[in-house]
Amino acid sequence: MSAKTIFVIVITVLVTVILMKNMDEVNFWIFGTRTVPKLAVLATMFFIGAVVGFLLGRPKKRKSEIQETPNTPAANGVNRPLDQADEDYIN
């Protein structure tokens, strides 16, 4: 297994253990005081952190620049005939 796979498994186990040990309810202010399970608060914050980390960790998209050389037959619009030696080789 790769290091990345082991890291993901360890983090998943740790998050699961932490969430299961925090099942009690707490008073939480969400535009007014509400009684919310600590599990829901921790899971929501972990999910938001994972999404933000994923979005910030993505590689930036780069535009590839294709440059044509002006000496190519396609760029000049000219089809040059083959030499006799090339035609003999093809046939």
N, C-alpha and C. Protein backbone atom coordinates (compact mmCIF):
# COMPACT_ATOMS: atom_id res chain seq x y z
N MET A 1 0.83 -1.18 0.00
CA MET A 1 0.00 0.00 0.00
C MET A 1 0.88 1.24 0.00
N SER A 2 0.38 2.27 -0.64
CA SER A 2 1.16 3.49 -0.71
C SER A 2 1.00 4.31 0.57
N ALA A 3 1.87 5.26 0.74
CA ALA A 3 1.83 6.11 1.92
C ALA A 3 0.55 6.93 1.96
N LYS A 4 0.09 7.34 0.81
CA LYS A 4 -1.14 8.14 0.74
C LYS A 4 -2.34 7.33 1.22
N THR A 5 -2.42 6.07 0.83
CA THR A 5 -3.52 5.20 1.24
C THR A 5 -3.49 4.97 2.74
N ILE A 6 -2.32 4.71 3.30
CA ILE A 6 -2.19 4.51 4.74
C ILE A 6 -2.57 5.78 5.49
N PHE A 7 -2.16 6.93 4.98
CA PHE A 7 -2.50 8.22 5.61
C PHE A 7 -4.00 8.43 5.63
N VAL A 8 -4.69 8.15 4.52
CA VAL A 8 -6.14 8.33 4.45
C VAL A 8 -6.84 7.38 5.42
N ILE A 9 -6.38 6.14 5.52
CA ILE A 9 -6.99 5.17 6.45
C ILE A 9 -6.81 5.62 7.89
N VAL A 10 -5.61 6.08 8.26
CA VAL A 10 -5.35 6.53 9.62
C VAL A 10 -6.21 7.73 9.96
N ILE A 11 -6.30 8.70 9.07
CA ILE A 11 -7.12 9.89 9.31
C ILE A 11 -8.59 9.51 9.46
N THR A 12 -9.07 8.60 8.62
CA THR A 12 -10.47 8.17 8.69
C THR A 12 -10.76 7.50 10.03
N VAL A 13 -9.86 6.64 10.50
CA VAL A 13 -10.05 5.97 11.80
C VAL A 13 -10.04 6.98 12.93
N LEU A 14 -9.10 7.93 12.89
CA LEU A 14 -9.03 8.95 13.94
C LEU A 14 -10.29 9.81 13.98
N VAL A 15 -10.77 10.23 12.83
CA VAL A 15 -11.98 11.05 12.77
C VAL A 15 -13.17 10.26 13.31
N THR A 16 -13.28 8.99 12.94
CA THR A 16 -14.39 8.16 13.41
C THR A 16 -14.36 8.00 14.93
N VAL A 17 -13.19 7.74 15.48
CA VAL A 17 -13.06 7.58 16.93
C VAL A 17 -13.41 8.88 17.65
N ILE A 18 -12.91 10.00 17.16
CA ILE A 18 -13.18 11.29 17.79
C ILE A 18 -14.66 11.62 17.73
N LEU A 19 -15.29 11.37 16.59
CA LEU A 19 -16.71 11.67 16.46
C LEU A 19 -17.56 10.77 17.36
N MET A 20 -17.21 9.51 17.48
CA MET A 20 -18.01 8.60 18.30
C MET A 20 -17.84 8.86 19.80
N LYS A 21 -16.71 9.42 20.22
CA LYS A 21 -16.49 9.75 21.63
C LYS A 21 -17.16 11.06 22.03
N ASN A 22 -17.65 11.83 21.09
CA ASN A 22 -18.27 13.13 21.36
C ASN A 22 -19.74 13.12 20.93
N MET A 23 -20.52 12.30 21.59
CA MET A 23 -21.93 12.15 21.23
C MET A 23 -22.85 13.07 22.05
N ASP A 24 -22.35 13.72 23.11
CA ASP A 24 -23.21 14.54 23.95
C ASP A 24 -23.67 15.80 23.22
N GLU A 25 -24.70 16.46 23.78
CA GLU A 25 -25.25 17.66 23.15
C GLU A 25 -24.66 18.90 23.81
N VAL A 26 -24.48 19.94 23.00
CA VAL A 26 -23.92 21.20 23.48
C VAL A 26 -24.81 22.34 23.01
N ASN A 27 -24.72 23.46 23.72
CA ASN A 27 -25.41 24.66 23.27
C ASN A 27 -24.52 25.33 22.24
N PHE A 28 -25.09 25.57 21.08
CA PHE A 28 -24.32 26.13 19.97
C PHE A 28 -25.10 27.30 19.41
N TRP A 29 -24.38 28.38 19.12
CA TRP A 29 -25.05 29.56 18.59
C TRP A 29 -25.06 29.50 17.08
N ILE A 30 -26.24 29.31 16.50
CA ILE A 30 -26.44 29.37 15.05
C ILE A 30 -27.59 30.35 14.85
N PHE A 31 -27.27 31.63 14.88
CA PHE A 31 -28.27 32.70 14.83
C PHE A 31 -29.34 32.48 15.90
N GLY A 32 -28.90 32.16 17.06
CA GLY A 32 -29.74 31.88 18.22
C GLY A 32 -29.18 30.63 18.89
N THR A 33 -29.35 30.54 20.21
CA THR A 33 -28.79 29.39 20.94
C THR A 33 -29.64 28.16 20.67
N ARG A 34 -28.98 27.10 20.26
CA ARG A 34 -29.66 25.84 19.97
C ARG A 34 -28.88 24.70 20.61
N THR A 35 -29.59 23.65 20.96
CA THR A 35 -28.94 22.45 21.47
C THR A 35 -28.68 21.52 20.30
N VAL A 36 -27.40 21.28 20.04
CA VAL A 36 -26.97 20.51 18.87
C VAL A 36 -26.04 19.41 19.35
N PRO A 37 -26.13 18.22 18.76
CA PRO A 37 -25.14 17.19 19.11
C PRO A 37 -23.73 17.62 18.70
N LYS A 38 -22.78 17.38 19.58
CA LYS A 38 -21.39 17.73 19.29
C LYS A 38 -20.89 16.98 18.07
N LEU A 39 -21.43 15.79 17.85
CA LEU A 39 -21.10 14.99 16.68
C LEU A 39 -21.40 15.74 15.39
N ALA A 40 -22.57 16.39 15.33
CA ALA A 40 -22.96 17.13 14.13
C ALA A 40 -22.04 18.33 13.89
N VAL A 41 -21.68 19.03 14.96
CA VAL A 41 -20.80 20.20 14.83
C VAL A 41 -19.42 19.77 14.34
N LEU A 42 -18.86 18.74 14.96
CA LEU A 42 -17.53 18.28 14.56
C LEU A 42 -17.52 17.71 13.14
N ALA A 43 -18.55 16.94 12.79
CA ALA A 43 -18.61 16.37 11.44
C ALA A 43 -18.76 17.46 10.39
N THR A 44 -19.56 18.47 10.67
CA THR A 44 -19.74 19.57 9.72
C THR A 44 -18.43 20.35 9.53
N MET A 45 -17.75 20.62 10.62
CA MET A 45 -16.48 21.36 10.51
C MET A 45 -15.42 20.54 9.78
N PHE A 46 -15.39 19.22 10.02
CA PHE A 46 -14.44 18.37 9.30
C PHE A 46 -14.76 18.36 7.81
N PHE A 47 -16.04 18.25 7.47
CA PHE A 47 -16.44 18.23 6.06
C PHE A 47 -16.08 19.55 5.37
N ILE A 48 -16.36 20.66 6.02
CA ILE A 48 -16.02 21.96 5.43
C ILE A 48 -14.50 22.09 5.25
N GLY A 49 -13.73 21.64 6.25
CA GLY A 49 -12.27 21.68 6.13
C GLY A 49 -11.75 20.80 5.01
N ALA A 50 -12.36 19.61 4.83
CA ALA A 50 -11.93 18.71 3.76
C ALA A 50 -12.23 19.32 2.39
N VAL A 51 -13.39 19.94 2.24
CA VAL A 51 -13.74 20.56 0.95
C VAL A 51 -12.81 21.73 0.65
N VAL A 52 -12.56 22.58 1.64
CA VAL A 52 -11.67 23.72 1.43
C VAL A 52 -10.25 23.24 1.12
N GLY A 53 -9.78 22.22 1.83
CA GLY A 53 -8.45 21.68 1.56
C GLY A 53 -8.34 21.09 0.17
N PHE A 54 -9.40 20.42 -0.28
CA PHE A 54 -9.40 19.86 -1.64
C PHE A 54 -9.36 20.97 -2.67
N LEU A 55 -10.17 22.00 -2.48
CA LEU A 55 -10.21 23.10 -3.46
C LEU A 55 -8.89 23.87 -3.51
N LEU A 56 -8.27 24.07 -2.36
CA LEU A 56 -6.99 24.79 -2.34
C LEU A 56 -5.83 23.93 -2.81
N GLY A 57 -5.94 22.63 -2.71
CA GLY A 57 -4.84 21.74 -3.06
C GLY A 57 -4.82 21.30 -4.51
N ARG A 58 -5.86 21.66 -5.26
CA ARG A 58 -5.89 21.26 -6.67
C ARG A 58 -4.81 21.98 -7.46
N PRO A 59 -4.25 21.32 -8.47
CA PRO A 59 -3.29 22.02 -9.32
C PRO A 59 -4.01 23.05 -10.18
N LYS A 60 -3.32 24.13 -10.47
CA LYS A 60 -3.92 25.19 -11.29
C LYS A 60 -4.01 24.74 -12.73
N LYS A 61 -5.07 25.17 -13.39
CA LYS A 61 -5.22 24.85 -14.80
C LYS A 61 -4.34 25.78 -15.61
N ARG A 62 -3.61 25.19 -16.54
CA ARG A 62 -2.72 25.99 -17.39
C ARG A 62 -3.19 25.90 -18.82
N LYS A 63 -3.16 27.03 -19.48
CA LYS A 63 -3.50 27.04 -20.89
C LYS A 63 -2.27 26.63 -21.68
N SER A 64 -2.44 25.65 -22.53
CA SER A 64 -1.30 25.22 -23.34
C SER A 64 -1.23 26.13 -24.57
N GLU A 65 -0.04 26.55 -24.83
CA GLU A 65 0.18 27.41 -25.98
C GLU A 65 0.74 26.57 -27.12
N ILE A 66 -0.01 26.52 -28.21
CA ILE A 66 0.43 25.78 -29.39
C ILE A 66 0.95 26.79 -30.40
N GLN A 67 2.20 26.62 -30.74
CA GLN A 67 2.81 27.54 -31.69
C GLN A 67 3.12 26.77 -32.96
N GLU A 68 2.59 27.27 -34.06
CA GLU A 68 2.88 26.65 -35.35
C GLU A 68 4.08 27.33 -35.98
N THR A 69 4.92 26.53 -36.58
CA THR A 69 6.05 27.12 -37.29
C THR A 69 5.57 27.55 -38.67
N PRO A 70 5.97 28.71 -39.12
CA PRO A 70 5.45 29.22 -40.39
C PRO A 70 5.99 28.48 -41.62
N ASN A 71 6.98 27.63 -41.46
CA ASN A 71 7.56 26.94 -42.62
C ASN A 71 6.90 25.61 -42.93
N THR A 72 5.91 25.21 -42.16
CA THR A 72 5.25 23.94 -42.43
C THR A 72 4.32 24.07 -43.62
N PRO A 73 4.14 23.00 -44.39
CA PRO A 73 3.25 23.08 -45.55
C PRO A 73 1.81 23.38 -45.15
N ALA A 74 1.36 22.89 -44.00
CA ALA A 74 -0.01 23.16 -43.58
C ALA A 74 -0.20 24.64 -43.28
N ALA A 75 0.83 25.28 -42.74
CA ALA A 75 0.72 26.70 -42.41
C ALA A 75 0.73 27.55 -43.68
N ASN A 76 1.49 27.13 -44.70
CA ASN A 76 1.56 27.89 -45.95
C ASN A 76 0.40 27.57 -46.87
N GLY A 77 -0.31 26.47 -46.62
CA GLY A 77 -1.41 26.09 -47.49
C GLY A 77 -0.93 25.46 -48.79
N VAL A 78 0.30 25.00 -48.82
CA VAL A 78 0.88 24.45 -50.05
C VAL A 78 1.16 22.97 -49.83
N ASN A 79 0.70 22.12 -50.72
CA ASN A 79 1.05 20.70 -50.69
C ASN A 79 2.15 20.47 -51.70
N ARG A 80 3.32 20.15 -51.20
CA ARG A 80 4.46 19.93 -52.09
C ARG A 80 4.43 18.48 -52.56
N PRO A 81 4.72 18.24 -53.81
CA PRO A 81 4.73 16.86 -54.31
C PRO A 81 5.94 16.11 -53.74
N LEU A 82 5.79 14.79 -53.68
CA LEU A 82 6.87 13.95 -53.18
C LEU A 82 7.97 13.80 -54.22
N ASP A 83 9.18 13.59 -53.73
CA ASP A 83 10.28 13.26 -54.64
C ASP A 83 10.03 11.87 -55.22
N GLN A 84 10.68 11.58 -56.32
CA GLN A 84 10.53 10.27 -56.94
C GLN A 84 11.00 9.15 -56.00
N ALA A 85 12.06 9.41 -55.24
CA ALA A 85 12.57 8.40 -54.32
C ALA A 85 11.54 8.10 -53.23
N ASP A 86 10.85 9.14 -52.74
CA ASP A 86 9.82 8.95 -51.71
C ASP A 86 8.62 8.17 -52.26
N GLU A 87 8.21 8.48 -53.49
CA GLU A 87 7.09 7.75 -54.11
C GLU A 87 7.44 6.29 -54.32
N ASP A 88 8.68 6.00 -54.74
CA ASP A 88 9.10 4.62 -54.91
C ASP A 88 9.10 3.88 -53.59
N TYR A 89 9.51 4.56 -52.53
CA TYR A 89 9.55 3.93 -51.21
C TYR A 89 8.15 3.61 -50.74
N ILE A 90 7.21 4.51 -50.94
CA ILE A 90 5.82 4.30 -50.51
C ILE A 90 5.19 3.14 -51.28
N ASN A 91 5.44 3.09 -52.57
CA ASN A 91 4.85 2.04 -53.40
C ASN A 91 5.60 0.75 -53.18
